[in-house]
Amino acid sequence: MAKKEANGSDPVNHPGHYTAGGIECIDALESMATGYKDTVQAGLAWQIIKYIWRCPLKGKPLEDAKKAEFYLHRLIEKLEAR
């Protein structure tokens, strides 16, 4: 069982950097992914949104933005190859 942090956040099941706002990141990602027929493209889009979502919350915004950019370029390559 995950141990809660001092701020009440559950770092394993509901980390604070994914639960800020009115919807948990994983719920939004699951909803977004259902629109993709290609699972690889869905996975890349998932990563993009995940890193953008946590960008201002985890303490390394530039690193998270660059990770999102990396996955965005890969998604664009997949789309262009079609």
Protein backbone atom coordinates (compact mmCIF):
# COMPACT_ATOMS: atom_id res chain seq x y z
CA MET A 1 0.00 0.00 0.00
CA ALA A 2 1.32 3.44 -0.93
CA LYS A 3 2.33 5.76 1.86
CA LYS A 4 0.79 9.24 1.75
CA GLU A 5 3.07 12.25 1.73
CA ALA A 6 2.82 15.01 4.35
CA ASN A 7 0.56 17.03 2.02
CA GLY A 8 -1.90 14.12 1.75
CA SER A 9 -0.78 13.16 -1.76
CA ASP A 10 -0.37 9.48 -2.62
CA PRO A 11 2.89 9.40 -4.63
CA VAL A 12 2.13 6.04 -6.26
CA ASN A 13 -1.61 6.01 -7.00
CA HIS A 14 -2.45 9.72 -7.08
CA PRO A 15 0.71 11.86 -7.21
CA GLY A 16 0.16 15.56 -6.62
CA HIS A 17 1.64 16.56 -9.98
CA TYR A 18 -1.07 14.53 -11.74
CA THR A 19 -4.03 15.41 -9.53
CA ALA A 20 -3.91 19.21 -9.63
CA GLY A 21 -7.11 20.67 -11.04
CA GLY A 22 -10.57 19.24 -11.43
CA ILE A 23 -9.61 15.99 -13.21
CA GLU A 24 -6.81 13.53 -12.65
CA CYS A 25 -4.35 13.32 -15.52
CA ILE A 26 -4.79 9.58 -16.07
CA ASP A 27 -8.55 9.99 -16.50
CA ALA A 28 -8.05 12.69 -19.14
CA LEU A 29 -5.40 10.56 -20.88
CA GLU A 30 -7.63 7.49 -21.01
CA SER A 31 -10.40 9.56 -22.56
CA MET A 32 -8.01 11.12 -25.09
CA ALA A 33 -6.49 7.78 -26.08
CA THR A 34 -9.84 6.29 -27.12
CA GLY A 35 -9.83 8.57 -30.16
CA TYR A 36 -6.76 6.88 -31.65
CA LYS A 37 -6.95 3.81 -33.85
CA ASP A 38 -3.16 3.38 -33.86
CA THR A 39 -1.87 2.31 -30.44
CA VAL A 40 1.64 3.67 -31.05
CA GLN A 41 0.24 7.09 -31.91
CA ALA A 42 -1.99 6.92 -28.83
CA GLY A 43 1.02 6.10 -26.68
CA LEU A 44 3.01 9.00 -28.07
CA ALA A 45 0.10 11.41 -27.58
CA TRP A 46 -0.28 10.08 -24.02
CA GLN A 47 3.36 10.94 -23.28
CA ILE A 48 3.04 14.42 -24.79
CA ILE A 49 0.01 15.31 -22.68
CA LYS A 50 1.50 13.72 -19.54
CA TYR A 51 4.64 15.84 -19.71
CA ILE A 52 2.77 19.04 -20.57
CA TRP A 53 0.31 18.36 -17.73
CA ARG A 54 3.02 18.04 -15.09
CA CYS A 55 5.31 20.68 -16.60
CA PRO A 56 4.51 23.46 -14.09
CA LEU A 57 4.02 21.07 -11.15
CA LYS A 58 7.04 18.78 -10.80
CA GLY A 59 9.86 21.30 -10.49
CA LYS A 60 11.61 20.79 -13.83
CA PRO A 61 9.38 22.58 -16.36
CA LEU A 62 11.99 22.93 -19.11
CA GLU A 63 12.92 19.24 -18.87
CA ASP A 64 9.27 18.19 -19.02
CA ALA A 65 8.64 20.52 -21.99
CA LYS A 66 11.60 19.01 -23.83
CA LYS A 67 10.34 15.49 -23.12
CA ALA A 68 6.95 16.47 -24.53
CA GLU A 69 8.70 17.93 -27.58
CA PHE A 70 10.62 14.67 -28.09
CA TYR A 71 7.38 12.65 -28.15
CA LEU A 72 5.65 15.25 -30.32
CA HIS A 73 8.37 14.94 -32.96
CA ARG A 74 8.02 11.16 -32.91
CA LEU A 75 4.24 11.46 -33.31
CA ILE A 76 4.67 13.85 -36.24
CA GLU A 77 7.09 11.39 -37.88
CA LYS A 78 4.53 8.59 -37.53
CA LEU A 79 1.77 10.77 -38.98
CA GLU A 80 3.94 11.89 -41.91
CA ALA A 81 4.87 8.28 -42.69
CA ARG A 82 1.25 7.32 -43.29
